[in-house]
C-alpha atoms as a PDB file:
ATOM      1  CA  MET A   1     -29.774  13.150  16.384  1.00  0.00           C
ATOM      2  CA  LYS A   2     -26.431  13.840  18.037  1.00  0.00           C
ATOM      3  CA  GLU A   3     -24.836  10.977  16.137  1.00  0.00           C
ATOM      4  CA  ASP A   4     -25.924  12.543  12.845  1.00  0.00           C
ATOM      5  CA  GLU A   5     -24.282  15.815  13.843  1.00  0.00           C
ATOM      6  CA  ILE A   6     -21.002  14.072  14.639  1.00  0.00           C
ATOM      7  CA  GLN A   7     -21.075  12.348  11.258  1.00  0.00           C
ATOM      8  CA  SER A   8     -21.700  15.683   9.532  1.00  0.00           C
ATOM      9  CA  TYR A   9     -18.728  17.192  11.377  1.00  0.00           C
ATOM     10  CA  TYR A  10     -16.500  14.376  10.177  1.00  0.00           C
ATOM     11  CA  ARG A  11     -17.567  14.717   6.555  1.00  0.00           C
ATOM     12  CA  THR A  12     -17.220  18.509   6.602  1.00  0.00           C
ATOM     13  CA  LEU A  13     -13.762  18.519   8.176  1.00  0.00           C
ATOM     14  CA  PHE A  14     -12.374  15.645   6.145  1.00  0.00           C
ATOM     15  CA  HIS A  15     -13.608  17.266   2.940  1.00  0.00           C
ATOM     16  CA  ALA A  16     -11.980  20.551   3.982  1.00  0.00           C
ATOM     17  CA  TRP A  17      -8.657  19.207   5.259  1.00  0.00           C
ATOM     18  CA  GLY A  18      -8.187  15.591   4.212  1.00  0.00           C
ATOM     19  CA  PRO A  19      -6.107  13.040   6.178  1.00  0.00           C
ATOM     20  CA  GLN A  20      -4.346  14.454   9.220  1.00  0.00           C
ATOM     21  CA  HIS A  21      -1.642  11.794   9.734  1.00  0.00           C
ATOM     22  CA  TRP A  22      -2.168  11.914  13.443  1.00  0.00           C
ATOM     23  CA  TRP A  23      -0.488  10.506  15.572  1.00  0.00           C
ATOM     24  CA  PRO A  24       2.938  11.617  14.229  1.00  0.00           C
ATOM     25  CA  ALA A  25       5.334   8.873  15.373  1.00  0.00           C
ATOM     26  CA  GLN A  26       7.745   6.315  14.009  1.00  0.00           C
ATOM     27  CA  SER A  27       6.975   3.452  16.409  1.00  0.00           C
ATOM     28  CA  PRO A  28       4.397   2.293  18.975  1.00  0.00           C
ATOM     29  CA  LEU A  29       6.843   3.165  21.752  1.00  0.00           C
ATOM     30  CA  GLU A  30       7.127   6.726  20.444  1.00  0.00           C
ATOM     31  CA  VAL A  31       3.328   6.987  20.541  1.00  0.00           C
ATOM     32  CA  ILE A  32       3.295   5.795  24.138  1.00  0.00           C
ATOM     33  CA  VAL A  33       6.056   8.151  25.254  1.00  0.00           C
ATOM     34  CA  GLY A  34       4.269  11.008  23.493  1.00  0.00           C
ATOM     35  CA  ALA A  35       0.997  10.097  25.222  1.00  0.00           C
ATOM     36  CA  PHE A  36       2.665  10.469  28.605  1.00  0.00           C
ATOM     37  CA  LEU A  37       4.541  13.630  27.684  1.00  0.00           C
ATOM     38  CA  THR A  38       1.570  15.471  26.164  1.00  0.00           C
ATOM     39  CA  GLN A  39      -0.270  15.576  29.478  1.00  0.00           C
ATOM     40  CA  ASN A  40      -0.792  19.221  30.495  1.00  0.00           C
ATOM     41  CA  THR A  41       1.365  20.689  27.742  1.00  0.00           C
ATOM     42  CA  ALA A  42       1.319  21.704  24.095  1.00  0.00           C
ATOM     43  CA  TRP A  43       2.413  19.246  21.420  1.00  0.00           C
ATOM     44  CA  THR A  44       5.234  21.552  20.323  1.00  0.00           C
ATOM     45  CA  ASN A  45       6.837  20.994  23.737  1.00  0.00           C
ATOM     46  CA  VAL A  46       6.404  17.241  23.365  1.00  0.00           C
ATOM     47  CA  GLU A  47       8.147  17.335  19.992  1.00  0.00           C
ATOM     48  CA  ARG A  48      11.161  19.038  21.585  1.00  0.00           C
ATOM     49  CA  ALA A  49      11.343  16.381  24.304  1.00  0.00           C
ATOM     50  CA  LEU A  50      10.957  13.544  21.790  1.00  0.00           C
ATOM     51  CA  GLY A  51      13.664  15.150  19.681  1.00  0.00           C
ATOM     52  CA  ASN A  52      16.016  15.122  22.655  1.00  0.00           C
ATOM     53  CA  LEU A  53      15.353  11.422  23.246  1.00  0.00           C
ATOM     54  CA  ARG A  54      15.820  10.663  19.560  1.00  0.00           C
ATOM     55  CA  VAL A  55      19.157  12.486  19.354  1.00  0.00           C
ATOM     56  CA  ALA A  56      20.308  10.644  22.485  1.00  0.00           C
ATOM     57  CA  ARG A  57      19.257   7.326  20.854  1.00  0.00           C
ATOM     58  CA  LEU A  58      16.995   6.556  23.796  1.00  0.00           C
ATOM     59  CA  LEU A  59      13.581   6.515  22.143  1.00  0.00           C
ATOM     60  CA  SER A  60      13.100   2.790  22.599  1.00  0.00           C
ATOM     61  CA  VAL A  61      12.082   0.345  25.310  1.00  0.00           C
ATOM     62  CA  SER A  62      15.726  -0.507  26.007  1.00  0.00           C
ATOM     63  CA  GLY A  63      16.667   3.165  25.938  1.00  0.00           C
ATOM     64  CA  ILE A  64      14.076   4.225  28.504  1.00  0.00           C
ATOM     65  CA  ARG A  65      15.012   1.185  30.584  1.00  0.00           C
ATOM     66  CA  ARG A  66      18.741   1.928  30.759  1.00  0.00           C
ATOM     67  CA  VAL A  67      18.835   5.727  30.907  1.00  0.00           C
ATOM     68  CA  PRO A  68      19.403   7.073  34.441  1.00  0.00           C
ATOM     69  CA  LEU A  69      16.338   8.796  35.829  1.00  0.00           C
ATOM     70  CA  ALA A  70      18.106  12.146  36.221  1.00  0.00           C
ATOM     71  CA  LYS A  71      19.190  12.114  32.577  1.00  0.00           C
ATOM     72  CA  LEU A  72      15.691  11.165  31.438  1.00  0.00           C
ATOM     73  CA  GLU A  73      14.328  14.103  33.399  1.00  0.00           C
ATOM     74  CA  ARG A  74      16.746  16.483  31.681  1.00  0.00           C
ATOM     75  CA  LEU A  75      15.893  15.178  28.228  1.00  0.00           C
ATOM     76  CA  ILE A  76      12.117  15.490  28.624  1.00  0.00           C
ATOM     77  CA  ARG A  77      12.248  18.777  30.530  1.00  0.00           C
ATOM     78  CA  PRO A  78      10.642  20.757  27.636  1.00  0.00           C
ATOM     79  CA  SER A  79       7.400  18.814  28.139  1.00  0.00           C
ATOM     80  CA  GLY A  80       6.899  20.160  31.673  1.00  0.00           C
ATOM     81  CA  TYR A  81       6.262  18.162  34.883  1.00  0.00           C
ATOM     82  CA  PHE A  82       9.401  16.337  33.779  1.00  0.00           C
ATOM     83  CA  ARG A  83      10.168  14.595  37.082  1.00  0.00           C
ATOM     84  CA  GLN A  84       6.667  13.206  37.316  1.00  0.00           C
ATOM     85  CA  LYS A  85       6.631  12.150  33.672  1.00  0.00           C
ATOM     86  CA  ALA A  86      10.080  10.556  33.840  1.00  0.00           C
ATOM     87  CA  ASN A  87       8.970   8.460  36.809  1.00  0.00           C
ATOM     88  CA  ARG A  88       5.836   7.385  34.977  1.00  0.00           C
ATOM     89  CA  LEU A  89       7.790   6.353  31.901  1.00  0.00           C
ATOM     90  CA  LYS A  90      10.173   4.318  34.038  1.00  0.00           C
ATOM     91  CA  GLN A  91       7.220   2.676  35.797  1.00  0.00           C
ATOM     92  CA  PHE A  92       5.581   1.843  32.486  1.00  0.00           C
ATOM     93  CA  ILE A  93       8.740   0.097  31.246  1.00  0.00           C
ATOM     94  CA  ALA A  94       9.069  -1.740  34.572  1.00  0.00           C
ATOM     95  CA  HIS A  95       5.495  -3.001  34.170  1.00  0.00           C
ATOM     96  CA  LEU A  96       6.248  -4.055  30.595  1.00  0.00           C
ATOM     97  CA  ASP A  97       9.376  -5.921  31.718  1.00  0.00           C
ATOM     98  CA  LYS A  98       7.675  -7.634  34.655  1.00  0.00           C
ATOM     99  CA  HIS A  99       4.558  -8.846  32.869  1.00  0.00           C
ATOM    100  CA  TYR A 100       5.465  -9.005  29.161  1.00  0.00           C
ATOM    101  CA  ALA A 101       9.229  -9.579  29.080  1.00  0.00           C
ATOM    102  CA  GLY A 102       9.656  -6.082  27.678  1.00  0.00           C
ATOM    103  CA  SER A 103       7.469  -6.830  24.643  1.00  0.00           C
ATOM    104  CA  LEU A 104       5.125  -4.070  23.489  1.00  0.00           C
ATOM    105  CA  THR A 105       3.697  -6.486  20.937  1.00  0.00           C
ATOM    106  CA  LYS A 106       2.494  -8.799  23.700  1.00  0.00           C
ATOM    107  CA  LEU A 107       1.008  -5.934  25.691  1.00  0.00           C
ATOM    108  CA  LEU A 108      -0.769  -4.335  22.747  1.00  0.00           C
ATOM    109  CA  SER A 109      -2.183  -7.657  21.546  1.00  0.00           C
ATOM    110  CA  LEU A 110      -4.391  -7.981  24.625  1.00  0.00           C
ATOM    111  CA  PRO A 111      -8.161  -7.723  24.064  1.00  0.00           C
ATOM    112  CA  THR A 112      -9.222  -4.075  23.980  1.00  0.00           C
ATOM    113  CA  ASN A 113     -11.203  -3.984  27.238  1.00  0.00           C
ATOM    114  CA  GLN A 114      -8.549  -5.925  29.137  1.00  0.00           C
ATOM    115  CA  LEU A 115      -5.751  -3.695  27.859  1.00  0.00           C
ATOM    116  CA  ARG A 116      -7.711  -0.535  28.630  1.00  0.00           C
ATOM    117  CA  GLU A 117      -8.329  -1.651  32.210  1.00  0.00           C
ATOM    118  CA  GLU A 118      -4.690  -2.580  32.661  1.00  0.00           C
ATOM    119  CA  LEU A 119      -3.478   0.761  31.335  1.00  0.00           C
ATOM    120  CA  LEU A 120      -5.886   2.680  33.556  1.00  0.00           C
ATOM    121  CA  ASN A 121      -4.427   0.903  36.586  1.00  0.00           C
ATOM    122  CA  LEU A 122      -0.949   2.252  35.833  1.00  0.00           C
ATOM    123  CA  ASN A 123       0.327   5.346  37.607  1.00  0.00           C
ATOM    124  CA  GLY A 124      -0.402   8.522  35.658  1.00  0.00           C
ATOM    125  CA  VAL A 125      -2.610   6.913  33.010  1.00  0.00           C
ATOM    126  CA  GLY A 126      -6.063   8.459  32.712  1.00  0.00           C
ATOM    127  CA  PRO A 127      -8.703   7.729  30.070  1.00  0.00           C
ATOM    128  CA  GLU A 128      -7.254  10.052  27.411  1.00  0.00           C
ATOM    129  CA  THR A 129      -3.733   8.643  27.766  1.00  0.00           C
ATOM    130  CA  ALA A 130      -4.999   5.058  27.821  1.00  0.00           C
ATOM    131  CA  ASP A 131      -7.173   5.558  24.760  1.00  0.00           C
ATOM    132  CA  SER A 132      -4.373   7.303  22.856  1.00  0.00           C
ATOM    133  CA  ILE A 133      -2.173   4.268  23.461  1.00  0.00           C
ATOM    134  CA  LEU A 134      -4.964   1.893  22.490  1.00  0.00           C
ATOM    135  CA  LEU A 135      -5.853   3.666  19.259  1.00  0.00           C
ATOM    136  CA  TYR A 136      -2.550   4.992  17.981  1.00  0.00           C
ATOM    137  CA  ALA A 137      -0.047   2.458  19.304  1.00  0.00           C
ATOM    138  CA  GLY A 138      -2.245  -0.648  19.303  1.00  0.00           C
ATOM    139  CA  ASN A 139      -4.787  -0.060  16.517  1.00  0.00           C
ATOM    140  CA  HIS A 140      -7.647  -0.761  18.907  1.00  0.00           C
ATOM    141  CA  PRO A 141     -11.054   0.734  18.000  1.00  0.00           C
ATOM    142  CA  VAL A 142     -11.346   3.253  20.843  1.00  0.00           C
ATOM    143  CA  PHE A 143     -12.081   6.942  20.320  1.00  0.00           C
ATOM    144  CA  VAL A 144      -9.863   9.471  22.107  1.00  0.00           C
ATOM    145  CA  VAL A 145     -11.602  12.347  23.871  1.00  0.00           C
ATOM    146  CA  ASP A 146      -9.581  15.467  24.670  1.00  0.00           C
ATOM    147  CA  ALA A 147     -10.264  18.981  25.910  1.00  0.00           C
ATOM    148  CA  TYR A 148     -10.886  20.189  22.353  1.00  0.00           C
ATOM    149  CA  THR A 149     -13.607  17.565  21.894  1.00  0.00           C
ATOM    150  CA  ARG A 150     -15.452  18.652  25.005  1.00  0.00           C
ATOM    151  CA  ARG A 151     -15.137  22.340  24.167  1.00  0.00           C
ATOM    152  CA  ILE A 152     -16.559  21.886  20.667  1.00  0.00           C
ATOM    153  CA  LEU A 153     -19.478  19.760  21.884  1.00  0.00           C
ATOM    154  CA  VAL A 154     -20.382  22.250  24.604  1.00  0.00           C
ATOM    155  CA  ARG A 155     -20.183  25.293  22.325  1.00  0.00           C
ATOM    156  CA  HIS A 156     -22.291  23.503  19.731  1.00  0.00           C
ATOM    157  CA  ALA A 157     -24.851  22.542  22.404  1.00  0.00           C
ATOM    158  CA  ILE A 158     -24.488  18.828  21.685  1.00  0.00           C
ATOM    159  CA  LEU A 159     -23.580  17.944  25.260  1.00  0.00           C
ATOM    160  CA  SER A 160     -23.528  19.810  28.554  1.00  0.00           C
ATOM    161  CA  GLU A 161     -20.373  20.845  30.378  1.00  0.00           C
ATOM    162  CA  ASP A 162     -20.871  18.100  32.964  1.00  0.00           C
ATOM    163  CA  ALA A 163     -20.874  15.265  30.395  1.00  0.00           C
ATOM    164  CA  THR A 164     -18.451  12.534  31.455  1.00  0.00           C
ATOM    165  CA  TYR A 165     -15.514  11.277  29.437  1.00  0.00           C
ATOM    166  CA  GLU A 166     -17.301   7.974  28.864  1.00  0.00           C
ATOM    167  CA  GLU A 167     -20.484   9.665  27.669  1.00  0.00           C
ATOM    168  CA  ILE A 168     -18.516  11.624  25.086  1.00  0.00           C
ATOM    169  CA  ARG A 169     -16.479   8.605  23.995  1.00  0.00           C
ATOM    170  CA  GLN A 170     -19.561   6.434  23.577  1.00  0.00           C
ATOM    171  CA  LEU A 171     -21.352   9.140  21.567  1.00  0.00           C
ATOM    172  CA  PHE A 172     -18.475   9.366  19.108  1.00  0.00           C
ATOM    173  CA  GLU A 173     -18.091   5.613  18.880  1.00  0.00           C
ATOM    174  CA  ARG A 174     -21.799   5.146  18.103  1.00  0.00           C
ATOM    175  CA  ALA A 175     -21.681   7.855  15.451  1.00  0.00           C
ATOM    176  CA  LEU A 176     -18.426   6.833  13.819  1.00  0.00           C
ATOM    177  CA  THR A 177     -19.034   3.089  13.862  1.00  0.00           C
ATOM    178  CA  SER A 178     -22.067   3.529  11.629  1.00  0.00           C
ATOM    179  CA  LEU A 179     -20.124   5.981   9.457  1.00  0.00           C
ATOM    180  CA  ALA A 180     -17.016   3.833   8.938  1.00  0.00           C
ATOM    181  CA  GLU A 181     -18.111   1.751   5.975  1.00  0.00           C
ATOM    182  CA  SER A 182     -19.298   4.746   3.968  1.00  0.00           C
ATOM    183  CA  VAL A 183     -15.949   6.545   4.282  1.00  0.00           C
ATOM    184  CA  GLU A 184     -13.716   3.595   3.370  1.00  0.00           C
ATOM    185  CA  ALA A 185     -13.267   4.749  -0.210  1.00  0.00           C
ATOM    186  CA  SER A 186     -12.675   8.394   0.659  1.00  0.00           C
ATOM    187  CA  THR A 187      -9.875   7.710   3.147  1.00  0.00           C
ATOM    188  CA  GLU A 188      -7.920   5.713   0.552  1.00  0.00           C
ATOM    189  CA  ASN A 189      -5.974   3.917   3.289  1.00  0.00           C
ATOM    190  CA  GLY A 190      -4.850   7.232   4.718  1.00  0.00           C
ATOM    191  CA  LYS A 191      -3.223   8.595   1.568  1.00  0.00           C
ATOM    192  CA  PRO A 192      -3.802  12.344   1.178  1.00  0.00           C
ATOM    193  CA  HIS A 193      -5.870  13.450  -1.780  1.00  0.00           C
ATOM    194  CA  LEU A 194      -5.419  17.194  -1.245  1.00  0.00           C
ATOM    195  CA  GLU A 195      -2.342  18.995  -2.499  1.00  0.00           C
ATOM    196  CA  ALA A 196      -2.733  22.337  -0.724  1.00  0.00           C
ATOM    197  CA  GLY A 197      -0.367  21.490   2.115  1.00  0.00           C
ATOM    198  CA  PHE A 198      -1.094  20.402   5.657  1.00  0.00           C
ATOM    199  CA  ARG A 199      -4.328  21.773   7.026  1.00  0.00           C
ATOM    200  CA  GLY A 200      -6.098  21.381  10.332  1.00  0.00           C
ATOM    201  CA  ALA A 201      -3.676  19.610  12.640  1.00  0.00           C
ATOM    202  CA  ALA A 202      -2.077  17.682   9.788  1.00  0.00           C
ATOM    203  CA  HIS A 203       1.477  16.399   9.966  1.00  0.00           C
ATOM    204  CA  PRO A 204       3.725  14.876   7.334  1.00  0.00           C
ATOM    205  CA  PRO A 205       3.101  11.134   6.947  1.00  0.00           C
ATOM    206  CA  SER A 206       4.904   8.983   9.510  1.00  0.00           C
ATOM    207  CA  ALA A 207       5.455   5.254   9.958  1.00  0.00           C
ATOM    208  CA  MET A 208       2.573   5.058  12.419  1.00  0.00           C
ATOM    209  CA  SER A 209       0.148   7.300  10.525  1.00  0.00           C
ATOM    210  CA  THR A 210       0.610   5.327   7.294  1.00  0.00           C
ATOM    211  CA  ALA A 211       0.577   1.869   8.883  1.00  0.00           C
ATOM    212  CA  LYS A 212      -2.271  -0.433   7.958  1.00  0.00           C
ATOM    213  CA  HIS A 213      -5.418   0.243  10.004  1.00  0.00           C
ATOM    214  CA  THR A 214      -8.896  -1.143  10.064  1.00  0.00           C
ATOM    215  CA  VAL A 215     -11.469   1.183   8.532  1.00  0.00           C
ATOM    216  CA  LEU A 216     -12.975   1.893  11.943  1.00  0.00           C
ATOM    217  CA  THR A 217      -9.694   2.749  13.665  1.00  0.00           C
ATOM    218  CA  GLN A 218      -8.728   4.944  10.707  1.00  0.00           C
ATOM    219  CA  VAL A 219     -11.989   6.872  11.067  1.00  0.00           C
ATOM    220  CA  TYR A 220     -11.418   7.288  14.824  1.00  0.00           C
ATOM    221  CA  ASN A 221      -7.856   8.377  14.064  1.00  0.00           C
ATOM    222  CA  GLU A 222      -8.940  10.952  11.493  1.00  0.00           C
ATOM    223  CA  MET A 223     -11.778  12.340  13.607  1.00  0.00           C
ATOM    224  CA  HIS A 224      -9.511  12.923  16.566  1.00  0.00           C
ATOM    225  CA  GLY A 225      -6.914  14.646  14.382  1.00  0.00           C
ATOM    226  CA  LEU A 226      -9.581  16.786  12.735  1.00  0.00           C
ATOM    227  CA  ILE A 227     -10.939  17.864  16.116  1.00  0.00           C
ATOM    228  CA  VAL A 228      -7.421  18.793  17.233  1.00  0.00           C
ATOM    229  CA  GLY A 229      -7.213  20.978  14.126  1.00  0.00           C
ATOM    230  CA  VAL A 230     -10.465  22.745  15.011  1.00  0.00           C
ATOM    231  CA  GLY A 231      -9.378  23.276  18.600  1.00  0.00           C
ATOM    232  CA  LYS A 232      -5.902  24.558  17.783  1.00  0.00           C
ATOM    233  CA  ASN A 233      -6.906  26.868  14.977  1.00  0.00           C
ATOM    234  CA  TYR A 234     -10.465  28.002  15.645  1.00  0.00           C
ATOM    235  CA  CYS A 235     -12.251  26.750  18.775  1.00  0.00           C
ATOM    236  CA  ARG A 236      -9.745  28.298  21.142  1.00  0.00           C
ATOM    237  CA  LYS A 237     -10.326  28.572  24.866  1.00  0.00           C
ATOM    238  CA  SER A 238     -10.312  32.342  24.572  1.00  0.00           C
ATOM    239  CA  GLN A 239     -10.973  34.418  21.472  1.00  0.00           C
ATOM    240  CA  PRO A 240     -12.482  31.651  19.329  1.00  0.00           C
ATOM    241  CA  ARG A 241     -12.451  32.242  15.568  1.00  0.00           C
ATOM    242  CA  CYS A 242     -15.900  30.859  14.811  1.00  0.00           C
ATOM    243  CA  ASP A 243     -16.417  32.924  11.670  1.00  0.00           C
ATOM    244  CA  GLN A 244     -13.478  31.177   9.956  1.00  0.00           C
ATOM    245  CA  CYS A 245     -14.126  27.646  11.234  1.00  0.00           C
ATOM    246  CA  PRO A 246     -15.406  24.926   8.878  1.00  0.00           C
ATOM    247  CA  LEU A 247     -17.905  23.982  11.601  1.00  0.00           C
ATOM    248  CA  GLN A 248     -19.328  27.496  11.889  1.00  0.00           C
ATOM    249  CA  LYS A 249     -22.479  26.514   9.994  1.00  0.00           C
ATOM    250  CA  PHE A 250     -23.314  23.980  12.705  1.00  0.00           C
ATOM    251  CA  LEU A 251     -23.309  26.467  15.587  1.00  0.00           C
ATOM    252  CA  PRO A 252     -26.711  26.808  17.271  1.00  0.00           C
ATOM    253  CA  SER A 253     -28.516  30.019  16.492  1.00  0.00           C
ATOM    254  CA  MET A 254     -28.507  32.529  19.316  1.00  0.00           C
END
């Protein structure tokens, strides 16, 4: 079954690399800003833009609210599409102010399906961005599907290239929901049990990565981070390094 394969991938990657501490952020707002900025760019570029906002003391709801648009554009320029992204960040804060008195806590406390629908109705928020906000900023049990996820599934002949985002998300959620209880002990509340450094896509622990999560959201969190590690290091768009990948043994025989 496809669900069994997904569970095997999780166990193999977690055993090889341990906790990934993804998403690297110090606050829910930083997660949200990062989710907007990471669209169509590499995470290293996002980190530069976030660093600029942090140095300027603007990485907060009030900071994004008060900073002039032109200055915000300059600060996030490393992330690319900076004018578009600056506008979207401003619009997100305006929505937060209008409907939730500027409170992220109120927004993120909405029921999962209601919050997801509301996010998807915002300018510039697609399924991946919405689900990143839900999972990493709000601790909602929603799996995040990215380009790496699709690439791995297609190359491993689990799904076809025309599989929809929702089909992929639902496959992972079915597989990982049934897996969650059995991995509770091994995740140890997100504390790393390997001492060989950061492997996969792992980052140093952050306030958000070490915050208390439900077992299910922690499993979703880890699986997404592990897949990012596979995509960045092995399952590349061109010149994949299958022979060195922990998932190599699962590739279909030619």
